[in-house]
């Protein structure tokens, strides 16, 4: 699997990134606690999350690239006159 080595190409204001982290934090803590409760170590959880994150980034980049090259056609006027 290819590793994501470059940075995210869409610049965002730093406060927006922090706001997103805060919004996800509580659910993230619950999620990791559930994984620990199931017997996974923090190292296993962290590595799995990093792999899943890389997969997500690759998929989103691919989707964005496809959207750029294959834009959805604008529907024309379907009236008969």
PDB file of N, CA and C in Angstrom:
ATOM      1  N   UNK A   1       0.843  -1.176   0.000  1.00  0.00           N
ATOM      2  CA  UNK A   1       0.000   0.000   0.000  1.00  0.00           C
ATOM      3  C   UNK A   1       0.886   1.235   0.000  1.00  0.00           C
ATOM      4  N   UNK A   2       0.584   2.216  -0.849  1.00  0.00           N
ATOM      5  CA  UNK A   2       1.414   3.424  -0.875  1.00  0.00           C
ATOM      6  C   UNK A   2       1.231   4.246   0.394  1.00  0.00           C
ATOM      7  N   UNK A   3       2.312   4.797   0.856  1.00  0.00           N
ATOM      8  CA  UNK A   3       2.265   5.642   2.052  1.00  0.00           C
ATOM      9  C   UNK A   3       2.053   7.087   1.654  1.00  0.00           C
ATOM     10  N   UNK A   4       1.309   7.788   2.462  1.00  0.00           N
ATOM     11  CA  UNK A   4       1.064   9.206   2.216  1.00  0.00           C
ATOM     12  C   UNK A   4       2.247   9.972   2.778  1.00  0.00           C
ATOM     13  N   UNK A   5       3.000  10.604   1.879  1.00  0.00           N
ATOM     14  CA  UNK A   5       4.209  11.292   2.343  1.00  0.00           C
ATOM     15  C   UNK A   5       4.126  12.801   2.183  1.00  0.00           C
ATOM     16  N   UNK A   6       3.270  13.269   1.293  1.00  0.00           N
ATOM     17  CA  UNK A   6       3.168  14.715   1.134  1.00  0.00           C
ATOM     18  C   UNK A   6       2.068  15.261   2.037  1.00  0.00           C
ATOM     19  N   UNK A   7       2.036  16.541   2.181  1.00  0.00           N
ATOM     20  CA  UNK A   7       1.062  17.164   3.078  1.00  0.00           C
ATOM     21  C   UNK A   7      -0.274  17.321   2.379  1.00  0.00           C
ATOM     22  N   UNK A   8      -1.285  17.597   3.152  1.00  0.00           N
ATOM     23  CA  UNK A   8      -2.607  17.852   2.600  1.00  0.00           C
ATOM     24  C   UNK A   8      -2.498  19.096   1.713  1.00  0.00           C
ATOM     25  N   UNK A   9      -3.068  19.023   0.520  1.00  0.00           N
ATOM     26  CA  UNK A   9      -2.877  20.101  -0.445  1.00  0.00           C
ATOM     27  C   UNK A   9      -3.872  21.242  -0.288  1.00  0.00           C
ATOM     28  N   UNK A  10      -4.937  21.043   0.440  1.00  0.00           N
ATOM     29  CA  UNK A  10      -5.925  22.095   0.632  1.00  0.00           C
ATOM     30  C   UNK A  10      -5.601  22.854   1.920  1.00  0.00           C
ATOM     31  N   UNK A  11      -5.040  24.059   1.824  1.00  0.00           N
ATOM     32  CA  UNK A  11      -4.710  24.799   3.049  1.00  0.00           C
ATOM     33  C   UNK A  11      -5.976  25.189   3.799  1.00  0.00           C
ATOM     34  N   UNK A  12      -5.927  25.059   5.109  1.00  0.00           N
ATOM     35  CA  UNK A  12      -7.046  25.436   5.961  1.00  0.00           C
ATOM     36  C   UNK A  12      -6.529  26.330   7.072  1.00  0.00           C
ATOM     37  N   UNK A  13      -7.358  27.252   7.533  1.00  0.00           N
ATOM     38  CA  UNK A  13      -6.931  28.081   8.660  1.00  0.00           C
ATOM     39  C   UNK A  13      -6.638  27.192   9.872  1.00  0.00           C
ATOM     40  N   UNK A  14      -5.584  27.487  10.620  1.00  0.00           N
ATOM     41  CA  UNK A  14      -5.212  26.655  11.762  1.00  0.00           C
ATOM     42  C   UNK A  14      -6.348  26.477  12.777  1.00  0.00           C
ATOM     43  N   UNK A  15      -7.147  27.508  13.002  1.00  0.00           N
ATOM     44  CA  UNK A  15      -8.216  27.395  13.985  1.00  0.00           C
ATOM     45  C   UNK A  15      -9.293  26.412  13.526  1.00  0.00           C
ATOM     46  N   UNK A  16      -9.493  26.254  12.227  1.00  0.00           N
ATOM     47  CA  UNK A  16     -10.466  25.285  11.721  1.00  0.00           C
ATOM     48  C   UNK A  16      -9.997  23.860  12.015  1.00  0.00           C
ATOM     49  N   UNK A  17      -8.707  23.599  11.858  1.00  0.00           N
ATOM     50  CA  UNK A  17      -8.158  22.276  12.156  1.00  0.00           C
ATOM     51  C   UNK A  17      -8.337  21.961  13.638  1.00  0.00           C
ATOM     52  N   UNK A  18      -8.038  22.928  14.490  1.00  0.00           N
ATOM     53  CA  UNK A  18      -8.183  22.743  15.934  1.00  0.00           C
ATOM     54  C   UNK A  18      -9.648  22.519  16.287  1.00  0.00           C
ATOM     55  N   UNK A  19     -10.529  23.270  15.656  1.00  0.00           N
ATOM     56  CA  UNK A  19     -11.961  23.104  15.896  1.00  0.00           C
ATOM     57  C   UNK A  19     -12.421  21.696  15.513  1.00  0.00           C
ATOM     58  N   UNK A  20     -11.912  21.175  14.407  1.00  0.00           N
ATOM     59  CA  UNK A  20     -12.240  19.817  13.974  1.00  0.00           C
ATOM     60  C   UNK A  20     -11.730  18.798  14.999  1.00  0.00           C
ATOM     61  N   UNK A  21     -10.508  18.982  15.471  1.00  0.00           N
ATOM     62  CA  UNK A  21      -9.949  18.081  16.484  1.00  0.00           C
ATOM     63  C   UNK A  21     -10.818  18.073  17.733  1.00  0.00           C
ATOM     64  N   UNK A  22     -11.227  19.241  18.174  1.00  0.00           N
ATOM     65  CA  UNK A  22     -12.079  19.333  19.365  1.00  0.00           C
ATOM     66  C   UNK A  22     -13.415  18.630  19.150  1.00  0.00           C
ATOM     67  N   UNK A  23     -13.965  18.777  17.952  1.00  0.00           N
ATOM     68  CA  UNK A  23     -15.245  18.146  17.648  1.00  0.00           C
ATOM     69  C   UNK A  23     -15.140  16.623  17.651  1.00  0.00           C
ATOM     70  N   UNK A  24     -14.000  16.105  17.252  1.00  0.00           N
ATOM     71  CA  UNK A  24     -13.809  14.653  17.180  1.00  0.00           C
ATOM     72  C   UNK A  24     -13.285  14.043  18.478  1.00  0.00           C
ATOM     73  N   UNK A  25     -12.731  14.859  19.352  1.00  0.00           N
ATOM     74  CA  UNK A  25     -11.995  14.362  20.512  1.00  0.00           C
ATOM     75  C   UNK A  25     -12.805  13.431  21.413  1.00  0.00           C
ATOM     76  N   UNK A  26     -14.011  13.820  21.784  1.00  0.00           N
ATOM     77  CA  UNK A  26     -14.795  13.003  22.709  1.00  0.00           C
ATOM     78  C   UNK A  26     -15.106  11.632  22.107  1.00  0.00           C
ATOM     79  N   UNK A  27     -15.548  11.611  20.859  1.00  0.00           N
ATOM     80  CA  UNK A  27     -15.838  10.329  20.209  1.00  0.00           C
ATOM     81  C   UNK A  27     -14.569   9.504  20.032  1.00  0.00           C
ATOM     82  N   UNK A  28     -13.459  10.181  19.759  1.00  0.00           N
ATOM     83  CA  UNK A  28     -12.180   9.480  19.624  1.00  0.00           C
ATOM     84  C   UNK A  28     -11.809   8.794  20.935  1.00  0.00           C
ATOM     85  N   UNK A  29     -11.973   9.498  22.060  1.00  0.00           N
ATOM     86  CA  UNK A  29     -11.668   8.908  23.368  1.00  0.00           C
ATOM     87  C   UNK A  29     -12.553   7.696  23.643  1.00  0.00           C
ATOM     88  N   UNK A  30     -13.826   7.807  23.313  1.00  0.00           N
ATOM     89  CA  UNK A  30     -14.747   6.680  23.496  1.00  0.00           C
ATOM     90  C   UNK A  30     -14.321   5.515  22.608  1.00  0.00           C
ATOM     91  N   UNK A  31     -14.021   5.812  21.371  1.00  0.00           N
ATOM     92  CA  UNK A  31     -13.622   4.789  20.405  1.00  0.00           C
ATOM     93  C   UNK A  31     -12.368   4.040  20.861  1.00  0.00           C
ATOM     94  N   UNK A  32     -11.348   4.788  21.273  1.00  0.00           N
ATOM     95  CA  UNK A  32     -10.108   4.138  21.706  1.00  0.00           C
ATOM     96  C   UNK A  32     -10.310   3.377  23.017  1.00  0.00           C
ATOM     97  N   UNK A  33     -11.165   3.876  23.891  1.00  0.00           N
ATOM     98  CA  UNK A  33     -11.461   3.147  25.129  1.00  0.00           C
ATOM     99  C   UNK A  33     -12.149   1.823  24.829  1.00  0.00           C
ATOM    100  N   UNK A  34     -13.044   1.834  23.865  1.00  0.00           N
ATOM    101  CA  UNK A  34     -13.705   0.590  23.461  1.00  0.00           C
ATOM    102  C   UNK A  34     -12.698  -0.411  22.904  1.00  0.00           C
ATOM    103  N   UNK A  35     -11.773   0.084  22.094  1.00  0.00           N
ATOM    104  CA  UNK A  35     -10.744  -0.796  21.526  1.00  0.00           C
ATOM    105  C   UNK A  35      -9.848  -1.364  22.624  1.00  0.00           C
ATOM    106  N   UNK A  36      -9.461  -0.519  23.582  1.00  0.00           N
ATOM    107  CA  UNK A  36      -8.649  -1.001  24.707  1.00  0.00           C
ATOM    108  C   UNK A  36      -9.425  -2.031  25.522  1.00  0.00           C
ATOM    109  N   UNK A  37     -10.720  -1.780  25.717  1.00  0.00           N
ATOM    110  CA  UNK A  37     -11.563  -2.719  26.449  1.00  0.00           C
ATOM    111  C   UNK A  37     -11.696  -4.059  25.749  1.00  0.00           C
ATOM    112  N   UNK A  38     -11.530  -4.055  24.430  1.00  0.00           N
ATOM    113  CA  UNK A  38     -11.588  -5.290  23.652  1.00  0.00           C
ATOM    114  C   UNK A  38     -10.252  -6.026  23.671  1.00  0.00           C
ATOM    115  N   UNK A  39      -9.248  -5.408  24.321  1.00  0.00           N
ATOM    116  CA  UNK A  39      -7.970  -6.094  24.479  1.00  0.00           C
ATOM    117  C   UNK A  39      -6.836  -5.619  23.594  1.00  0.00           C
ATOM    118  N   UNK A  40      -7.069  -4.610  22.784  1.00  0.00           N
ATOM    119  CA  UNK A  40      -6.004  -4.097  21.929  1.00  0.00           C
ATOM    120  C   UNK A  40      -5.107  -3.165  22.734  1.00  0.00           C
ATOM    121  N   UNK A  41      -3.810  -3.194  22.445  1.00  0.00           N
ATOM    122  CA  UNK A  41      -2.873  -2.285  23.114  1.00  0.00           C
ATOM    123  C   UNK A  41      -2.959  -0.914  22.452  1.00  0.00           C
ATOM    124  N   UNK A  42      -2.479   0.102  23.160  1.00  0.00           N
ATOM    125  CA  UNK A  42      -2.509   1.436  22.580  1.00  0.00           C
ATOM    126  C   UNK A  42      -1.667   1.499  21.314  1.00  0.00           C
ATOM    127  N   UNK A  43      -0.570   0.707  21.266  1.00  0.00           N
ATOM    128  CA  UNK A  43       0.279   0.695  20.075  1.00  0.00           C
ATOM    129  C   UNK A  43      -0.472   0.099  18.883  1.00  0.00           C
ATOM    130  N   UNK A  44      -1.198  -0.994  19.120  1.00  0.00           N
ATOM    131  CA  UNK A  44      -1.969  -1.620  18.047  1.00  0.00           C
ATOM    132  C   UNK A  44      -3.066  -0.676  17.551  1.00  0.00           C
ATOM    133  N   UNK A  45      -3.711  -0.020  18.478  1.00  0.00           N
ATOM    134  CA  UNK A  45      -4.776   0.928  18.125  1.00  0.00           C
ATOM    135  C   UNK A  45      -4.200   2.076  17.301  1.00  0.00           C
ATOM    136  N   UNK A  46      -3.096   2.639  17.757  1.00  0.00           N
ATOM    137  CA  UNK A  46      -2.481   3.772  17.052  1.00  0.00           C
ATOM    138  C   UNK A  46      -2.064   3.379  15.641  1.00  0.00           C
ATOM    139  N   UNK A  47      -1.442   2.226  15.479  1.00  0.00           N
ATOM    140  CA  UNK A  47      -1.015   1.788  14.147  1.00  0.00           C
ATOM    141  C   UNK A  47      -2.219   1.535  13.241  1.00  0.00           C
ATOM    142  N   UNK A  48      -3.260   0.926  13.775  1.00  0.00           N
ATOM    143  CA  UNK A  48      -4.463   0.682  12.975  1.00  0.00           C
ATOM    144  C   UNK A  48      -5.095   1.999  12.538  1.00  0.00           C
ATOM    145  N   UNK A  49      -5.160   2.961  13.452  1.00  0.00           N
ATOM    146  CA  UNK A  49      -5.743   4.266  13.117  1.00  0.00           C
ATOM    147  C   UNK A  49      -4.912   4.998  12.071  1.00  0.00           C
ATOM    148  N   UNK A  50      -3.604   4.882  12.152  1.00  0.00           N
ATOM    149  CA  UNK A  50      -2.757   5.529  11.148  1.00  0.00           C
ATOM    150  C   UNK A  50      -2.970   4.900   9.773  1.00  0.00           C
ATOM    151  N   UNK A  51      -3.068   3.574   9.716  1.00  0.00           N
ATOM    152  CA  UNK A  51      -3.314   2.902   8.437  1.00  0.00           C
ATOM    153  C   UNK A  51      -4.676   3.300   7.875  1.00  0.00           C
ATOM    154  N   UNK A  52      -5.690   3.318   8.737  1.00  0.00           N
ATOM    155  CA  UNK A  52      -7.031   3.710   8.289  1.00  0.00           C
ATOM    156  C   UNK A  52      -7.048   5.161   7.812  1.00  0.00           C
ATOM    157  N   UNK A  53      -6.302   6.016   8.487  1.00  0.00           N
ATOM    158  CA  UNK A  53      -6.217   7.411   8.083  1.00  0.00           C
ATOM    159  C   UNK A  53      -5.553   7.541   6.721  1.00  0.00           C
ATOM    160  N   UNK A  54      -4.477   6.810   6.509  1.00  0.00           N
ATOM    161  CA  UNK A  54      -3.809   6.836   5.201  1.00  0.00           C
ATOM    162  C   UNK A  54      -4.751   6.362   4.105  1.00  0.00           C
ATOM    163  N   UNK A  55      -5.492   5.275   4.369  1.00  0.00           N
ATOM    164  CA  UNK A  55      -6.456   4.769   3.385  1.00  0.00           C
ATOM    165  C   UNK A  55      -7.505   5.831   3.073  1.00  0.00           C
ATOM    166  N   UNK A  56      -7.970   6.528   4.103  1.00  0.00           N
ATOM    167  CA  UNK A  56      -8.979   7.576   3.929  1.00  0.00           C
ATOM    168  C   UNK A  56      -8.431   8.713   3.066  1.00  0.00           C
ATOM    169  N   UNK A  57      -7.215   9.142   3.349  1.00  0.00           N
ATOM    170  CA  UNK A  57      -6.602  10.236   2.594  1.00  0.00           C
ATOM    171  C   UNK A  57      -6.438   9.836   1.132  1.00  0.00           C
ATOM    172  N   UNK A  58      -5.947   8.641   0.882  1.00  0.00           N
ATOM    173  CA  UNK A  58      -5.764   8.174  -0.493  1.00  0.00           C
ATOM    174  C   UNK A  58      -7.110   8.135  -1.220  1.00  0.00           C
ATOM    175  N   UNK A  59      -8.133   7.603  -0.571  1.00  0.00           N
ATOM    176  CA  UNK A  59      -9.462   7.506  -1.195  1.00  0.00           C
ATOM    177  C   UNK A  59     -10.039   8.890  -1.479  1.00  0.00           C
ATOM    178  N   UNK A  60      -9.897   9.826  -0.541  1.00  0.00           N
ATOM    179  CA  UNK A  60     -10.438  11.168  -0.742  1.00  0.00           C
ATOM    180  C   UNK A  60      -9.689  11.909  -1.838  1.00  0.00           C
ATOM    181  N   UNK A  61      -8.376  11.732  -1.904  1.00  0.00           N
ATOM    182  CA  UNK A  61      -7.601  12.365  -2.969  1.00  0.00           C
ATOM    183  C   UNK A  61      -8.001  11.805  -4.323  1.00  0.00           C
ATOM    184  N   UNK A  62      -8.197  10.484  -4.374  1.00  0.00           N
ATOM    185  CA  UNK A  62      -8.592   9.849  -5.622  1.00  0.00           C
ATOM    186  C   UNK A  62      -9.970  10.351  -6.056  1.00  0.00           C
ATOM    187  N   UNK A  63     -10.889  10.462  -5.115  1.00  0.00           N
ATOM    188  CA  UNK A  63     -12.232  10.960  -5.422  1.00  0.00           C
ATOM    189  C   UNK A  63     -12.175  12.405  -5.910  1.00  0.00           C
ATOM    190  N   UNK A  64     -11.353  13.224  -5.273  1.00  0.00           N
ATOM    191  CA  UNK A  64     -11.221  14.623  -5.681  1.00  0.00           C
ATOM    192  C   UNK A  64     -10.618  14.718  -7.078  1.00  0.00           C
ATOM    193  N   UNK A  65      -9.627  13.893  -7.351  1.00  0.00           N
ATOM    194  CA  UNK A  65      -8.993  13.901  -8.665  1.00  0.00           C
ATOM    195  C   UNK A  65      -9.981  13.456  -9.740  1.00  0.00           C
ATOM    196  N   UNK A  66     -10.797  12.446  -9.429  1.00  0.00           N
ATOM    197  CA  UNK A  66     -11.801  11.978 -10.388  1.00  0.00           C
ATOM    198  C   UNK A  66     -12.852  13.059 -10.629  1.00  0.00           C
ATOM    199  N   UNK A  67     -13.239  13.769  -9.588  1.00  0.00           N
ATOM    200  CA  UNK A  67     -14.223  14.842  -9.728  1.00  0.00           C
ATOM    201  C   UNK A  67     -13.671  15.972 -10.601  1.00  0.00           C
ATOM    202  N   UNK A  68     -12.379  16.219 -10.507  1.00  0.00           N
ATOM    203  CA  UNK A  68     -11.758  17.258 -11.336  1.00  0.00           C
ATOM    204  C   UNK A  68     -11.734  16.859 -12.804  1.00  0.00           C
ATOM    205  N   UNK A  69     -11.434  15.603 -13.074  1.00  0.00           N
ATOM    206  CA  UNK A  69     -11.296  15.153 -14.458  1.00  0.00           C
ATOM    207  C   UNK A  69     -12.621  14.755 -15.087  1.00  0.00           C
ATOM    208  N   UNK A  70     -13.608  14.386 -14.272  1.00  0.00           N
ATOM    209  CA  UNK A  70     -14.915  13.977 -14.777  1.00  0.00           C
ATOM    210  C   UNK A  70     -16.018  14.761 -14.081  1.00  0.00           C
ATOM    211  N   UNK A  71     -16.130  16.049 -14.373  1.00  0.00           N
ATOM    212  CA  UNK A  71     -17.169  16.820 -13.686  1.00  0.00           C
ATOM    213  C   UNK A  71     -18.563  16.318 -14.071  1.00  0.00           C
ATOM    214  N   UNK A  72     -19.473  16.443 -13.140  1.00  0.00           N
ATOM    215  CA  UNK A  72     -20.850  16.042 -13.387  1.00  0.00           C
ATOM    216  C   UNK A  72     -21.442  17.008 -14.400  1.00  0.00           C
ATOM    217  N   UNK A  73     -21.999  16.472 -15.487  1.00  0.00           N
ATOM    218  CA  UNK A  73     -22.554  17.389 -16.493  1.00  0.00           C
ATOM    219  C   UNK A  73     -23.774  18.124 -15.949  1.00  0.00           C
ATOM    220  N   UNK A  74     -23.882  19.372 -16.355  1.00  0.00           N
ATOM    221  CA  UNK A  74     -25.017  20.181 -15.938  1.00  0.00           C
ATOM    222  C   UNK A  74     -26.225  19.735 -16.759  1.00  0.00           C
ATOM    223  N   UNK A  75     -27.316  19.385 -16.089  1.00  0.00           N
ATOM    224  CA  UNK A  75     -28.473  18.920 -16.860  1.00  0.00           C
ATOM    225  C   UNK A  75     -29.052  20.064 -17.700  1.00  0.00           C
ATOM    226  N   UNK A  76     -29.302  19.760 -18.933  1.00  0.00           N
ATOM    227  CA  UNK A  76     -29.858  20.772 -19.836  1.00  0.00           C
ATOM    228  C   UNK A  76     -31.345  20.937 -19.642  1.00  0.00           C
ATOM    229  N   UNK A  77     -31.901  21.850 -20.362  1.00  0.00           N
ATOM    230  CA  UNK A  77     -33.323  22.101 -20.310  1.00  0.00           C
ATOM    231  C   UNK A  77     -34.047  20.944 -21.001  1.00  0.00           C
ATOM    232  N   UNK A  78     -34.962  20.296 -20.294  1.00  0.00           N
ATOM    233  CA  UNK A  78     -35.659  19.139 -20.843  1.00  0.00           C
ATOM    234  C   UNK A  78     -37.061  19.468 -21.317  1.00  0.00           C
ATOM    235  N   UNK A  79     -37.361  20.747 -21.479  1.00  0.00           N
ATOM    236  CA  UNK A  79     -38.671  21.095 -21.988  1.00  0.00           C
ATOM    237  C   UNK A  79     -38.737  20.820 -23.478  1.00  0.00           C
ATOM    238  N   UNK A  80     -39.917  20.604 -23.979  1.00  0.00           N
ATOM    239  CA  UNK A  80     -40.096  20.271 -25.387  1.00  0.00           C
ATOM    240  C   UNK A  80     -40.237  21.498 -26.279  1.00  0.00           C
ATOM    241  N   UNK A  81     -40.207  22.686 -25.756  1.00  0.00           N
ATOM    242  CA  UNK A  81     -40.391  23.867 -26.611  1.00  0.00           C
ATOM    243  C   UNK A  81     -39.115  24.613 -26.823  1.00  0.00           C
TER     244      UNK A  81
END
